[in-house]
PDB file of N, CA and C in Angstrom:
ATOM      1  N   MET A   1       0.866  -1.236   0.000  1.00  0.00           N
ATOM      2  CA  MET A   1       0.011   0.010   0.008  1.00  0.00           C
ATOM      3  C   MET A   1       0.873   1.213   0.058  1.00  0.00           C
ATOM      4  N   SER A   2       0.621   2.141  -0.824  1.00  0.00           N
ATOM      5  CA  SER A   2       1.363   3.453  -0.901  1.00  0.00           C
ATOM      6  C   SER A   2       0.535   4.660  -0.597  1.00  0.00           C
ATOM      7  N   GLY A   3       1.288   5.551   0.168  1.00  0.00           N
ATOM      8  CA  GLY A   3       0.542   6.815   0.426  1.00  0.00           C
ATOM      9  C   GLY A   3       0.987   7.790  -0.646  1.00  0.00           C
ATOM     10  N   LEU A   4       0.482   9.001  -0.673  1.00  0.00           N
ATOM     11  CA  LEU A   4       0.658   9.955  -1.762  1.00  0.00           C
ATOM     12  C   LEU A   4       1.347  11.211  -0.985  1.00  0.00           C
ATOM     13  N   ALA A   5       1.692  12.090  -1.802  1.00  0.00           N
ATOM     14  CA  ALA A   5       2.202  13.458  -1.180  1.00  0.00           C
ATOM     15  C   ALA A   5       1.326  13.924  -0.040  1.00  0.00           C
ATOM     16  N   GLY A   6       1.771  14.487   1.003  1.00  0.00           N
ATOM     17  CA  GLY A   6       0.855  14.795   2.184  1.00  0.00           C
ATOM     18  C   GLY A   6       0.941  13.809   3.301  1.00  0.00           C
ATOM     19  N   ARG A   7       0.089  14.114   4.293  1.00  0.00           N
ATOM     20  CA  ARG A   7       0.053  13.384   5.358  1.00  0.00           C
ATOM     21  C   ARG A   7      -1.042  12.085   5.219  1.00  0.00           C
ATOM     22  N   ASP A   8      -0.383  10.895   5.257  1.00  0.00           N
ATOM     23  CA  ASP A   8      -1.274   9.752   5.065  1.00  0.00           C
ATOM     24  C   ASP A   8      -1.283   8.926   6.300  1.00  0.00           C
ATOM     25  N   LEU A   9      -2.365   8.125   6.421  1.00  0.00           N
ATOM     26  CA  LEU A   9      -2.621   7.091   7.272  1.00  0.00           C
ATOM     27  C   LEU A   9      -2.538   5.800   6.528  1.00  0.00           C
ATOM     28  N   LEU A  10      -1.685   4.744   6.956  1.00  0.00           N
ATOM     29  CA  LEU A  10      -1.728   3.591   6.236  1.00  0.00           C
ATOM     30  C   LEU A  10      -1.781   2.347   7.190  1.00  0.00           C
ATOM     31  N   PHE A  11      -2.858   1.623   7.015  1.00  0.00           N
ATOM     32  CA  PHE A  11      -3.224   0.514   7.846  1.00  0.00           C
ATOM     33  C   PHE A  11      -2.831  -0.774   7.146  1.00  0.00           C
ATOM     34  N   GLY A  12      -2.000  -1.603   7.839  1.00  0.00           N
ATOM     35  CA  GLY A  12      -1.570  -2.858   7.267  1.00  0.00           C
ATOM     36  C   GLY A  12      -2.768  -3.976   7.435  1.00  0.00           C
ATOM     37  N   GLY A  13      -3.387  -3.999   8.496  1.00  0.00           N
ATOM     38  CA  GLY A  13      -4.630  -4.833   8.665  1.00  0.00           C
ATOM     39  C   GLY A  13      -3.987  -6.232   8.906  1.00  0.00           C
ATOM     40  N   LEU A  14      -4.580  -7.240   8.553  1.00  0.00           N
ATOM     41  CA  LEU A  14      -4.321  -8.716   8.687  1.00  0.00           C
ATOM     42  C   LEU A  14      -3.349  -9.067   7.554  1.00  0.00           C
ATOM     43  N   GLY A  15      -2.425  -9.970   7.867  1.00  0.00           N
ATOM     44  CA  GLY A  15      -1.440 -10.551   6.755  1.00  0.00           C
ATOM     45  C   GLY A  15      -0.266  -9.721   6.779  1.00  0.00           C
ATOM     46  N   ALA A  16       0.642 -10.181   5.807  1.00  0.00           N
ATOM     47  CA  ALA A  16       1.823  -9.542   5.539  1.00  0.00           C
ATOM     48  C   ALA A  16       1.699  -8.318   4.905  1.00  0.00           C
ATOM     49  N   ASP A  17       2.370  -7.267   5.220  1.00  0.00           N
ATOM     50  CA  ASP A  17       2.104  -5.862   4.601  1.00  0.00           C
ATOM     51  C   ASP A  17       3.372  -5.159   4.089  1.00  0.00           C
ATOM     52  N   THR A  18       3.393  -4.563   3.129  1.00  0.00           N
ATOM     53  CA  THR A  18       4.388  -3.548   2.596  1.00  0.00           C
ATOM     54  C   THR A  18       3.791  -2.217   2.510  1.00  0.00           C
ATOM     55  N   LEU A  19       4.163  -1.379   3.399  1.00  0.00           N
ATOM     56  CA  LEU A  19       3.499   0.040   3.488  1.00  0.00           C
ATOM     57  C   LEU A  19       4.628   1.032   3.071  1.00  0.00           C
ATOM     58  N   LEU A  20       4.245   1.883   2.158  1.00  0.00           N
ATOM     59  CA  LEU A  20       5.215   2.905   1.639  1.00  0.00           C
ATOM     60  C   LEU A  20       4.605   4.212   1.799  1.00  0.00           C
ATOM     61  N   GLY A  21       5.109   4.980   2.691  1.00  0.00           N
ATOM     62  CA  GLY A  21       4.459   6.277   3.094  1.00  0.00           C
ATOM     63  C   GLY A  21       4.615   7.309   2.058  1.00  0.00           C
ATOM     64  N   GLY A  22       5.679   7.482   1.272  1.00  0.00           N
ATOM     65  CA  GLY A  22       5.735   8.536   0.314  1.00  0.00           C
ATOM     66  C   GLY A  22       6.057   9.849   1.042  1.00  0.00           C
ATOM     67  N   ALA A  23       5.936  10.865   0.266  1.00  0.00           N
ATOM     68  CA  ALA A  23       6.280  12.205   0.743  1.00  0.00           C
ATOM     69  C   ALA A  23       5.221  12.667   1.925  1.00  0.00           C
ATOM     70  N   GLY A  24       5.649  13.425   2.845  1.00  0.00           N
ATOM     71  CA  GLY A  24       4.679  13.926   3.919  1.00  0.00           C
ATOM     72  C   GLY A  24       4.850  13.132   5.209  1.00  0.00           C
ATOM     73  N   GLU A  25       4.333  13.634   6.157  1.00  0.00           N
ATOM     74  CA  GLU A  25       4.386  12.999   7.445  1.00  0.00           C
ATOM     75  C   GLU A  25       3.258  11.948   7.524  1.00  0.00           C
ATOM     76  N   ASP A  26       3.626  10.829   7.753  1.00  0.00           N
ATOM     77  CA  ASP A  26       2.616   9.568   7.712  1.00  0.00           C
ATOM     78  C   ASP A  26       2.580   8.851   9.004  1.00  0.00           C
ATOM     79  N   ILE A  27       1.433   8.118   9.252  1.00  0.00           N
ATOM     80  CA  ILE A  27       1.346   7.172  10.213  1.00  0.00           C
ATOM     81  C   ILE A  27       1.305   5.785   9.529  1.00  0.00           C
ATOM     82  N   LEU A  28       2.056   4.741   9.823  1.00  0.00           N
ATOM     83  CA  LEU A  28       1.997   3.444   9.237  1.00  0.00           C
ATOM     84  C   LEU A  28       1.666   2.387  10.423  1.00  0.00           C
ATOM     85  N   PHE A  29       0.562   1.735  10.303  1.00  0.00           N
ATOM     86  CA  PHE A  29       0.090   0.789  11.301  1.00  0.00           C
ATOM     87  C   PHE A  29       0.427  -0.679  10.740  1.00  0.00           C
ATOM     88  N   TYR A  30       0.890  -1.491  11.711  1.00  0.00           N
ATOM     89  CA  TYR A  30       1.424  -2.786  11.312  1.00  0.00           C
ATOM     90  C   TYR A  30       0.290  -3.796  11.378  1.00  0.00           C
ATOM     91  N   GLY A  31      -0.957  -3.650  11.846  1.00  0.00           N
ATOM     92  CA  GLY A  31      -1.856  -4.595  12.066  1.00  0.00           C
ATOM     93  C   GLY A  31      -3.214  -3.990  12.149  1.00  0.00           C
ATOM     94  N   THR A  32      -4.017  -4.409  12.981  1.00  0.00           N
ATOM     95  CA  THR A  32      -5.507  -4.008  13.201  1.00  0.00           C
ATOM     96  C   THR A  32      -5.515  -3.108  14.283  1.00  0.00           C
ATOM     97  N   THR A  33      -6.592  -2.264  14.419  1.00  0.00           N
ATOM     98  CA  THR A  33      -6.722  -1.277  15.445  1.00  0.00           C
ATOM     99  C   THR A  33      -8.197  -1.295  15.941  1.00  0.00           C
ATOM    100  N   VAL A  34      -8.443  -0.610  16.939  1.00  0.00           N
ATOM    101  CA  VAL A  34      -9.837  -0.513  17.411  1.00  0.00           C
ATOM    102  C   VAL A  34     -10.675   0.483  16.538  1.00  0.00           C
ATOM    103  N   LEU A  35      -9.981   1.195  15.829  1.00  0.00           N
ATOM    104  CA  LEU A  35     -10.633   2.108  14.880  1.00  0.00           C
ATOM    105  C   LEU A  35     -11.328   1.383  13.591  1.00  0.00           C
ATOM    106  N   ASP A  36     -10.839   0.063  13.309  1.00  0.00           N
ATOM    107  CA  ASP A  36     -11.281  -0.668  12.113  1.00  0.00           C
ATOM    108  C   ASP A  36     -12.777  -0.690  12.149  1.00  0.00           C
ATOM    109  N   GLY A  37     -13.406  -0.112  11.227  1.00  0.00           N
ATOM    110  CA  GLY A  37     -14.899  -0.370  11.106  1.00  0.00           C
ATOM    111  C   GLY A  37     -15.585   0.909  11.681  1.00  0.00           C
ATOM    112  N   ASN A  38     -14.848   1.888  12.352  1.00  0.00           N
ATOM    113  CA  ASN A  38     -15.464   2.971  12.838  1.00  0.00           C
ATOM    114  C   ASN A  38     -15.060   4.283  11.919  1.00  0.00           C
ATOM    115  N   ARG A  39     -15.892   4.463  10.885  1.00  0.00           N
ATOM    116  CA  ARG A  39     -15.664   5.409   9.956  1.00  0.00           C
ATOM    117  C   ARG A  39     -15.566   6.871  10.570  1.00  0.00           C
ATOM    118  N   ALA A  40     -16.501   7.075  11.658  1.00  0.00           N
ATOM    119  CA  ALA A  40     -16.359   8.476  12.186  1.00  0.00           C
ATOM    120  C   ALA A  40     -15.112   8.707  12.842  1.00  0.00           C
ATOM    121  N   ALA A  41     -14.532   7.732  13.610  1.00  0.00           N
ATOM    122  CA  ALA A  41     -13.253   7.989  14.274  1.00  0.00           C
ATOM    123  C   ALA A  41     -12.053   7.995  13.216  1.00  0.00           C
ATOM    124  N   LEU A  42     -12.176   7.289  12.152  1.00  0.00           N
ATOM    125  CA  LEU A  42     -11.157   7.190  11.159  1.00  0.00           C
ATOM    126  C   LEU A  42     -11.162   8.717  10.501  1.00  0.00           C
ATOM    127  N   ASP A  43     -12.430   9.119  10.178  1.00  0.00           N
ATOM    128  CA  ASP A  43     -12.462  10.495   9.642  1.00  0.00           C
ATOM    129  C   ASP A  43     -11.797  11.572  10.507  1.00  0.00           C
ATOM    130  N   GLU A  44     -12.145  11.428  11.839  1.00  0.00           N
ATOM    131  CA  GLU A  44     -11.596  12.382  12.862  1.00  0.00           C
ATOM    132  C   GLU A  44     -10.060  12.303  12.813  1.00  0.00           C
ATOM    133  N   LEU A  45      -9.651  11.041  12.876  1.00  0.00           N
ATOM    134  CA  LEU A  45      -8.088  10.920  12.847  1.00  0.00           C
ATOM    135  C   LEU A  45      -7.503  11.542  11.659  1.00  0.00           C
ATOM    136  N   SER A  46      -8.127  11.358  10.443  1.00  0.00           N
ATOM    137  CA  SER A  46      -7.637  11.803   9.229  1.00  0.00           C
ATOM    138  C   SER A  46      -7.533  13.380   9.286  1.00  0.00           C
ATOM    139  N   THR A  47      -8.669  13.983   9.799  1.00  0.00           N
ATOM    140  CA  THR A  47      -8.787  15.422   9.730  1.00  0.00           C
ATOM    141  C   THR A  47      -7.646  15.995  10.706  1.00  0.00           C
ATOM    142  N   PHE A  48      -7.506  15.301  11.770  1.00  0.00           N
ATOM    143  CA  PHE A  48      -6.682  15.827  12.819  1.00  0.00           C
ATOM    144  C   PHE A  48      -5.201  15.674  12.308  1.00  0.00           C
ATOM    145  N   TRP A  49      -4.779  14.488  11.713  1.00  0.00           N
ATOM    146  CA  TRP A  49      -3.411  14.303  11.158  1.00  0.00           C
ATOM    147  C   TRP A  49      -3.051  15.257  10.140  1.00  0.00           C
ATOM    148  N   SER A  50      -4.043  15.633   9.385  1.00  0.00           N
ATOM    149  CA  SER A  50      -3.681  16.442   8.132  1.00  0.00           C
ATOM    150  C   SER A  50      -3.856  17.806   8.365  1.00  0.00           C
ATOM    151  N   ARG A  51      -4.095  18.363   9.684  1.00  0.00           N
ATOM    152  CA  ARG A  51      -4.211  19.764   9.907  1.00  0.00           C
ATOM    153  C   ARG A  51      -2.845  20.483   9.511  1.00  0.00           C
ATOM    154  N   LYS A  52      -3.028  21.674   9.123  1.00  0.00           N
ATOM    155  CA  LYS A  52      -1.783  22.438   8.542  1.00  0.00           C
ATOM    156  C   LYS A  52      -1.324  23.576   9.496  1.00  0.00           C
ATOM    157  N   ASP A  53      -1.945  23.757  10.720  1.00  0.00           N
ATOM    158  CA  ASP A  53      -1.625  24.815  11.575  1.00  0.00           C
ATOM    159  C   ASP A  53      -0.170  24.600  11.879  1.00  0.00           C
ATOM    160  N   LYS A  54       0.590  25.647  11.925  1.00  0.00           N
ATOM    161  CA  LYS A  54       1.997  25.654  12.170  1.00  0.00           C
ATOM    162  C   LYS A  54       2.316  25.321  13.693  1.00  0.00           C
ATOM    163  N   ALA A  55       1.386  25.670  14.542  1.00  0.00           N
ATOM    164  CA  ALA A  55       1.654  25.378  16.024  1.00  0.00           C
ATOM    165  C   ALA A  55       1.450  23.835  16.260  1.00  0.00           C
ATOM    166  N   LEU A  56       0.843  23.158  15.393  1.00  0.00           N
ATOM    167  CA  LEU A  56       0.546  21.685  15.529  1.00  0.00           C
ATOM    168  C   LEU A  56       1.604  20.950  14.841  1.00  0.00           C
ATOM    169  N   THR A  57       2.939  20.750  15.356  1.00  0.00           N
ATOM    170  CA  THR A  57       3.941  20.262  14.773  1.00  0.00           C
ATOM    171  C   THR A  57       3.766  18.756  14.782  1.00  0.00           C
ATOM    172  N   PHE A  58       4.685  17.978  14.276  1.00  0.00           N
ATOM    173  CA  PHE A  58       4.657  16.600  14.148  1.00  0.00           C
ATOM    174  C   PHE A  58       4.642  16.072  15.604  1.00  0.00           C
ATOM    175  N   ASN A  59       5.572  16.623  16.501  1.00  0.00           N
ATOM    176  CA  ASN A  59       5.587  16.099  17.952  1.00  0.00           C
ATOM    177  C   ASN A  59       4.412  16.446  18.683  1.00  0.00           C
ATOM    178  N   ALA A  60       3.801  17.591  18.454  1.00  0.00           N
ATOM    179  CA  ALA A  60       2.463  17.878  19.080  1.00  0.00           C
ATOM    180  C   ALA A  60       1.350  17.016  18.571  1.00  0.00           C
ATOM    181  N   ARG A  61       1.421  16.679  17.473  1.00  0.00           N
ATOM    182  CA  ARG A  61       0.373  15.664  16.792  1.00  0.00           C
ATOM    183  C   ARG A  61       0.563  14.374  17.419  1.00  0.00           C
ATOM    184  N   THR A  62       1.758  13.856  17.377  1.00  0.00           N
ATOM    185  CA  THR A  62       1.916  12.480  18.040  1.00  0.00           C
ATOM    186  C   THR A  62       1.675  12.403  19.550  1.00  0.00           C
ATOM    187  N   ALA A  63       2.110  13.519  20.162  1.00  0.00           N
ATOM    188  CA  ALA A  63       1.679  13.587  21.620  1.00  0.00           C
ATOM    189  C   ALA A  63       0.204  13.672  21.896  1.00  0.00           C
ATOM    190  N   GLN A  64      -0.470  14.295  21.084  1.00  0.00           N
ATOM    191  CA  GLN A  64      -1.976  14.499  21.346  1.00  0.00           C
ATOM    192  C   GLN A  64      -2.592  13.005  20.974  1.00  0.00           C
ATOM    193  N   LEU A  65      -2.090  12.279  20.049  1.00  0.00           N
ATOM    194  CA  LEU A  65      -2.674  11.022  19.655  1.00  0.00           C
ATOM    195  C   LEU A  65      -2.341   9.996  20.809  1.00  0.00           C
ATOM    196  N   ILE A  66      -1.209  10.043  21.388  1.00  0.00           N
ATOM    197  CA  ILE A  66      -0.754   9.254  22.352  1.00  0.00           C
ATOM    198  C   ILE A  66      -1.645   9.474  23.674  1.00  0.00           C
ATOM    199  N   ALA A  67      -1.997  10.663  23.899  1.00  0.00           N
ATOM    200  CA  ALA A  67      -2.918  10.953  24.960  1.00  0.00           C
ATOM    201  C   ALA A  67      -4.337  10.752  24.663  1.00  0.00           C
ATOM    202  N   GLY A  68      -4.629  10.684  23.427  1.00  0.00           N
ATOM    203  CA  GLY A  68      -6.073  10.628  22.968  1.00  0.00           C
ATOM    204  C   GLY A  68      -6.697  12.035  22.572  1.00  0.00           C
ATOM    205  N   THR A  69      -7.491  12.161  21.471  1.00  0.00           N
ATOM    206  CA  THR A  69      -8.033  13.428  21.144  1.00  0.00           C
ATOM    207  C   THR A  69      -9.518  13.020  20.687  1.00  0.00           C
ATOM    208  N   GLY A  70     -10.406  13.829  21.201  1.00  0.00           N
ATOM    209  CA  GLY A  70     -11.724  13.740  20.697  1.00  0.00           C
ATOM    210  C   GLY A  70     -12.259  12.310  20.915  1.00  0.00           C
ATOM    211  N   SER A  71     -12.884  11.729  19.769  1.00  0.00           N
ATOM    212  CA  SER A  71     -13.386  10.327  19.901  1.00  0.00           C
ATOM    213  C   SER A  71     -12.370   9.335  19.377  1.00  0.00           C
ATOM    214  N   VAL A  72     -11.048   9.816  19.007  1.00  0.00           N
ATOM    215  CA  VAL A  72      -9.961   8.986  18.598  1.00  0.00           C
ATOM    216  C   VAL A  72      -9.353   8.308  19.861  1.00  0.00           C
ATOM    217  N   PRO A  73      -9.359   7.021  20.012  1.00  0.00           N
ATOM    218  CA  PRO A  73      -8.761   6.359  21.233  1.00  0.00           C
ATOM    219  C   PRO A  73      -7.224   6.622  21.169  1.00  0.00           C
ATOM    220  N   THR A  74      -6.667   6.507  22.388  1.00  0.00           N
ATOM    221  CA  THR A  74      -5.281   6.677  22.601  1.00  0.00           C
ATOM    222  C   THR A  74      -4.566   5.646  21.672  1.00  0.00           C
ATOM    223  N   PHE A  75      -3.396   6.160  21.151  1.00  0.00           N
ATOM    224  CA  PHE A  75      -2.604   5.234  20.507  1.00  0.00           C
ATOM    225  C   PHE A  75      -1.586   4.421  21.319  1.00  0.00           C
ATOM    226  N   THR A  76      -2.068   3.252  21.725  1.00  0.00           N
ATOM    227  CA  THR A  76      -1.273   2.355  22.575  1.00  0.00           C
ATOM    228  C   THR A  76      -1.295   0.949  22.100  1.00  0.00           C
ATOM    229  N   THR A  77      -0.480   0.026  22.503  1.00  0.00           N
ATOM    230  CA  THR A  77      -0.472  -1.350  22.048  1.00  0.00           C
ATOM    231  C   THR A  77      -1.863  -2.023  22.619  1.00  0.00           C
ATOM    232  N   THR A  78      -2.717  -1.371  23.367  1.00  0.00           N
ATOM    233  CA  THR A  78      -3.828  -1.923  23.801  1.00  0.00           C
ATOM    234  C   THR A  78      -4.800  -1.804  22.617  1.00  0.00           C
ATOM    235  N   ASN A  79      -4.638  -0.703  21.871  1.00  0.00           N
ATOM    236  CA  ASN A  79      -5.613  -0.262  20.826  1.00  0.00           C
ATOM    237  C   ASN A  79      -5.181  -0.622  19.459  1.00  0.00           C
ATOM    238  N   ILE A  80      -3.944  -1.006  19.269  1.00  0.00           N
ATOM    239  CA  ILE A  80      -3.430  -1.374  17.997  1.00  0.00           C
ATOM    240  C   ILE A  80      -2.670  -2.648  18.169  1.00  0.00           C
ATOM    241  N   HIS A  81      -3.022  -3.672  17.214  1.00  0.00           N
ATOM    242  CA  HIS A  81      -2.731  -5.156  17.381  1.00  0.00           C
ATOM    243  C   HIS A  81      -1.941  -5.616  16.372  1.00  0.00           C
ATOM    244  N   ASP A  82      -0.902  -6.373  16.835  1.00  0.00           N
ATOM    245  CA  ASP A  82      -0.079  -6.951  15.765  1.00  0.00           C
ATOM    246  C   ASP A  82      -0.706  -8.332  15.150  1.00  0.00           C
ATOM    247  N   ASP A  83      -0.504  -8.566  13.839  1.00  0.00           N
ATOM    248  CA  ASP A  83      -1.026  -9.784  13.393  1.00  0.00           C
ATOM    249  C   ASP A  83       0.001 -10.830  13.149  1.00  0.00           C
ATOM    250  N   THR A  84       1.291 -10.652  13.716  1.00  0.00           N
ATOM    251  CA  THR A  84       2.391 -11.461  13.713  1.00  0.00           C
ATOM    252  C   THR A  84       2.926 -11.967  12.359  1.00  0.00           C
ATOM    253  N   ASP A  85       2.406 -11.363  11.215  1.00  0.00           N
ATOM    254  CA  ASP A  85       2.998 -11.687   9.863  1.00  0.00           C
ATOM    255  C   ASP A  85       4.148 -10.619   9.683  1.00  0.00           C
ATOM    256  N   VAL A  86       4.906 -10.868   8.639  1.00  0.00           N
ATOM    257  CA  VAL A  86       6.130 -10.054   8.308  1.00  0.00           C
ATOM    258  C   VAL A  86       5.485  -8.763   7.654  1.00  0.00           C
ATOM    259  N   ASP A  87       6.043  -7.659   8.011  1.00  0.00           N
ATOM    260  CA  ASP A  87       5.593  -6.226   7.633  1.00  0.00           C
ATOM    261  C   ASP A  87       6.852  -5.517   7.190  1.00  0.00           C
ATOM    262  N   ILE A  88       6.844  -4.870   6.060  1.00  0.00           N
ATOM    263  CA  ILE A  88       7.922  -3.877   5.587  1.00  0.00           C
ATOM    264  C   ILE A  88       7.402  -2.499   5.540  1.00  0.00           C
ATOM    265  N   PHE A  89       8.106  -1.666   6.203  1.00  0.00           N
ATOM    266  CA  PHE A  89       7.644  -0.282   6.253  1.00  0.00           C
ATOM    267  C   PHE A  89       8.730   0.706   5.612  1.00  0.00           C
ATOM    268  N   THR A  90       8.255   1.510   4.713  1.00  0.00           N
ATOM    269  CA  THR A  90       9.187   2.564   4.138  1.00  0.00           C
ATOM    270  C   THR A  90       8.515   3.940   4.292  1.00  0.00           C
ATOM    271  N   GLY A  91       9.219   4.722   4.890  1.00  0.00           N
ATOM    272  CA  GLY A  91       8.707   6.111   5.098  1.00  0.00           C
ATOM    273  C   GLY A  91       8.919   6.905   3.831  1.00  0.00           C
ATOM    274  N   GLY A  92       9.310   8.104   3.981  1.00  0.00           N
ATOM    275  CA  GLY A  92       9.664   9.029   2.944  1.00  0.00           C
ATOM    276  C   GLY A  92      10.511  10.012   3.292  1.00  0.00           C
ATOM    277  N   ALA A  93      10.624  11.204   2.605  1.00  0.00           N
ATOM    278  CA  ALA A  93      11.460  12.179   2.913  1.00  0.00           C
ATOM    279  C   ALA A  93      11.214  13.039   4.321  1.00  0.00           C
ATOM    280  N   ASP A  94       9.986  12.996   4.659  1.00  0.00           N
ATOM    281  CA  ASP A  94       9.573  13.665   5.904  1.00  0.00           C
ATOM    282  C   ASP A  94       9.392  12.725   7.033  1.00  0.00           C
ATOM    283  N   ARG A  95       9.101  13.222   8.234  1.00  0.00           N
ATOM    284  CA  ARG A  95       9.139  12.347   9.401  1.00  0.00           C
ATOM    285  C   ARG A  95       7.870  11.442   9.290  1.00  0.00           C
ATOM    286  N   ASP A  96       7.942  10.293   9.869  1.00  0.00           N
ATOM    287  CA  ASP A  96       6.889   9.325   9.807  1.00  0.00           C
ATOM    288  C   ASP A  96       6.658   8.634  11.253  1.00  0.00           C
ATOM    289  N   TRP A  97       5.585   8.126  11.480  1.00  0.00           N
ATOM    290  CA  TRP A  97       5.375   7.404  12.806  1.00  0.00           C
ATOM    291  C   TRP A  97       4.883   5.999  12.448  1.00  0.00           C
ATOM    292  N   TYR A  98       5.861   5.256  12.888  1.00  0.00           N
ATOM    293  CA  TYR A  98       5.643   3.700  12.604  1.00  0.00           C
ATOM    294  C   TYR A  98       5.000   3.049  13.884  1.00  0.00           C
ATOM    295  N   PHE A  99       3.875   2.540  13.730  1.00  0.00           N
ATOM    296  CA  PHE A  99       3.170   1.945  14.897  1.00  0.00           C
ATOM    297  C   PHE A  99       3.475   0.375  14.778  1.00  0.00           C
ATOM    298  N   ALA A 100       4.462  -0.139  15.352  1.00  0.00           N
ATOM    299  CA  ALA A 100       4.970  -1.572  15.065  1.00  0.00           C
ATOM    300  C   ALA A 100       5.565  -2.110  16.325  1.00  0.00           C
ATOM    301  N   LYS A 101       5.662  -3.361  16.411  1.00  0.00           N
ATOM    302  CA  LYS A 101       6.247  -3.925  17.472  1.00  0.00           C
ATOM    303  C   LYS A 101       7.812  -3.859  17.333  1.00  0.00           C
ATOM    304  N   LEU A 102       8.520  -2.955  18.197  1.00  0.00           N
ATOM    305  CA  LEU A 102       9.874  -2.687  18.064  1.00  0.00           C
ATOM    306  C   LEU A 102      10.759  -3.801  18.105  1.00  0.00           C
ATOM    307  N   THR A 103      10.370  -4.767  19.024  1.00  0.00           N
ATOM    308  CA  THR A 103      11.300  -5.948  19.301  1.00  0.00           C
ATOM    309  C   THR A 103      11.186  -7.122  18.344  1.00  0.00           C
ATOM    310  N   ASP A 104      10.136  -6.969  17.282  1.00  0.00           N
ATOM    311  CA  ASP A 104       9.908  -8.138  16.459  1.00  0.00           C
ATOM    312  C   ASP A 104      10.901  -8.018  15.231  1.00  0.00           C
ATOM    313  N   PRO A 105      11.906  -8.919  15.242  1.00  0.00           N
ATOM    314  CA  PRO A 105      12.931  -8.967  14.247  1.00  0.00           C
ATOM    315  C   PRO A 105      12.508  -9.209  12.737  1.00  0.00           C
ATOM    316  N   LYS A 106      11.190  -9.793  12.614  1.00  0.00           N
ATOM    317  CA  LYS A 106      10.648  -9.960  11.310  1.00  0.00           C
ATOM    318  C   LYS A 106      10.264  -8.716  10.571  1.00  0.00           C
ATOM    319  N   ASP A 107       9.932  -7.702  11.356  1.00  0.00           N
ATOM    320  CA  ASP A 107       9.495  -6.548  10.574  1.00  0.00           C
ATOM    321  C   ASP A 107      10.767  -5.742  10.096  1.00  0.00           C
ATOM    322  N   GLN A 108      10.592  -4.979   9.072  1.00  0.00           N
ATOM    323  CA  GLN A 108      11.695  -4.310   8.287  1.00  0.00           C
ATOM    324  C   GLN A 108      11.316  -2.906   8.356  1.00  0.00           C
ATOM    325  N   PHE A 109      12.309  -2.080   8.614  1.00  0.00           N
ATOM    326  CA  PHE A 109      12.110  -0.559   8.504  1.00  0.00           C
ATOM    327  C   PHE A 109      13.056   0.146   7.679  1.00  0.00           C
ATOM    328  N   ASP A 110      12.703   1.074   6.865  1.00  0.00           N
ATOM    329  CA  ASP A 110      13.564   1.978   6.298  1.00  0.00           C
ATOM    330  C   ASP A 110      13.129   3.407   6.752  1.00  0.00           C
ATOM    331  N   THR A 111      13.858   3.900   7.691  1.00  0.00           N
ATOM    332  CA  THR A 111      13.589   5.100   8.413  1.00  0.00           C
ATOM    333  C   THR A 111      14.567   6.176   8.375  1.00  0.00           C
ATOM    334  N   LEU A 112      14.191   7.404   8.709  1.00  0.00           N
ATOM    335  CA  LEU A 112      14.969   8.564   8.833  1.00  0.00           C
ATOM    336  C   LEU A 112      15.431   8.559  10.336  1.00  0.00           C
ATOM    337  N   ALA A 113      16.362   9.293  10.615  1.00  0.00           N
ATOM    338  CA  ALA A 113      16.851   9.248  12.143  1.00  0.00           C
ATOM    339  C   ALA A 113      15.783   9.939  13.029  1.00  0.00           C
ATOM    340  N   GLU A 114      15.078  10.815  12.478  1.00  0.00           N
ATOM    341  CA  GLU A 114      14.021  11.562  13.277  1.00  0.00           C
ATOM    342  C   GLU A 114      12.682  10.969  13.336  1.00  0.00           C
ATOM    343  N   ASP A 115      12.482   9.918  12.593  1.00  0.00           N
ATOM    344  CA  ASP A 115      11.145   9.097  12.547  1.00  0.00           C
ATOM    345  C   ASP A 115      10.957   8.500  13.941  1.00  0.00           C
ATOM    346  N   VAL A 116       9.610   8.231  14.305  1.00  0.00           N
ATOM    347  CA  VAL A 116       9.215   7.846  15.545  1.00  0.00           C
ATOM    348  C   VAL A 116       8.724   6.382  15.348  1.00  0.00           C
ATOM    349  N   ARG A 117       9.174   5.446  16.210  1.00  0.00           N
ATOM    350  CA  ARG A 117       8.592   4.110  16.217  1.00  0.00           C
ATOM    351  C   ARG A 117       7.964   3.800  17.615  1.00  0.00           C
ATOM    352  N   SER A 118       6.685   3.402  17.654  1.00  0.00           N
ATOM    353  CA  SER A 118       6.152   3.108  18.837  1.00  0.00           C
ATOM    354  C   SER A 118       5.664   1.622  19.005  1.00  0.00           C
TER     355      SER A 118
END
């Protein structure tokens, strides 16, 4: 699955995944989430992540999502689930947030030094 220019949300879902973030600050999810099937929450997440206000930096957006914002649940391992399949993540030129199991050697990352992995 490939993102476009701009801020994208890429959800791997079940099975082995290859996620390509592309240009822009992206969030790449390695498995399923509590948001799956909740269109309103996904729309709110997309609207929040794609905001352009200068005060809402990458760090500020990730911090708010970790804490929870509006009807979007907190981004924790309780709410995002690994499917145990092999996943390949490739970001882009901008900062990206990889939501993946950090200790799992099967997952592969192509990241920048300033990217965030949770």
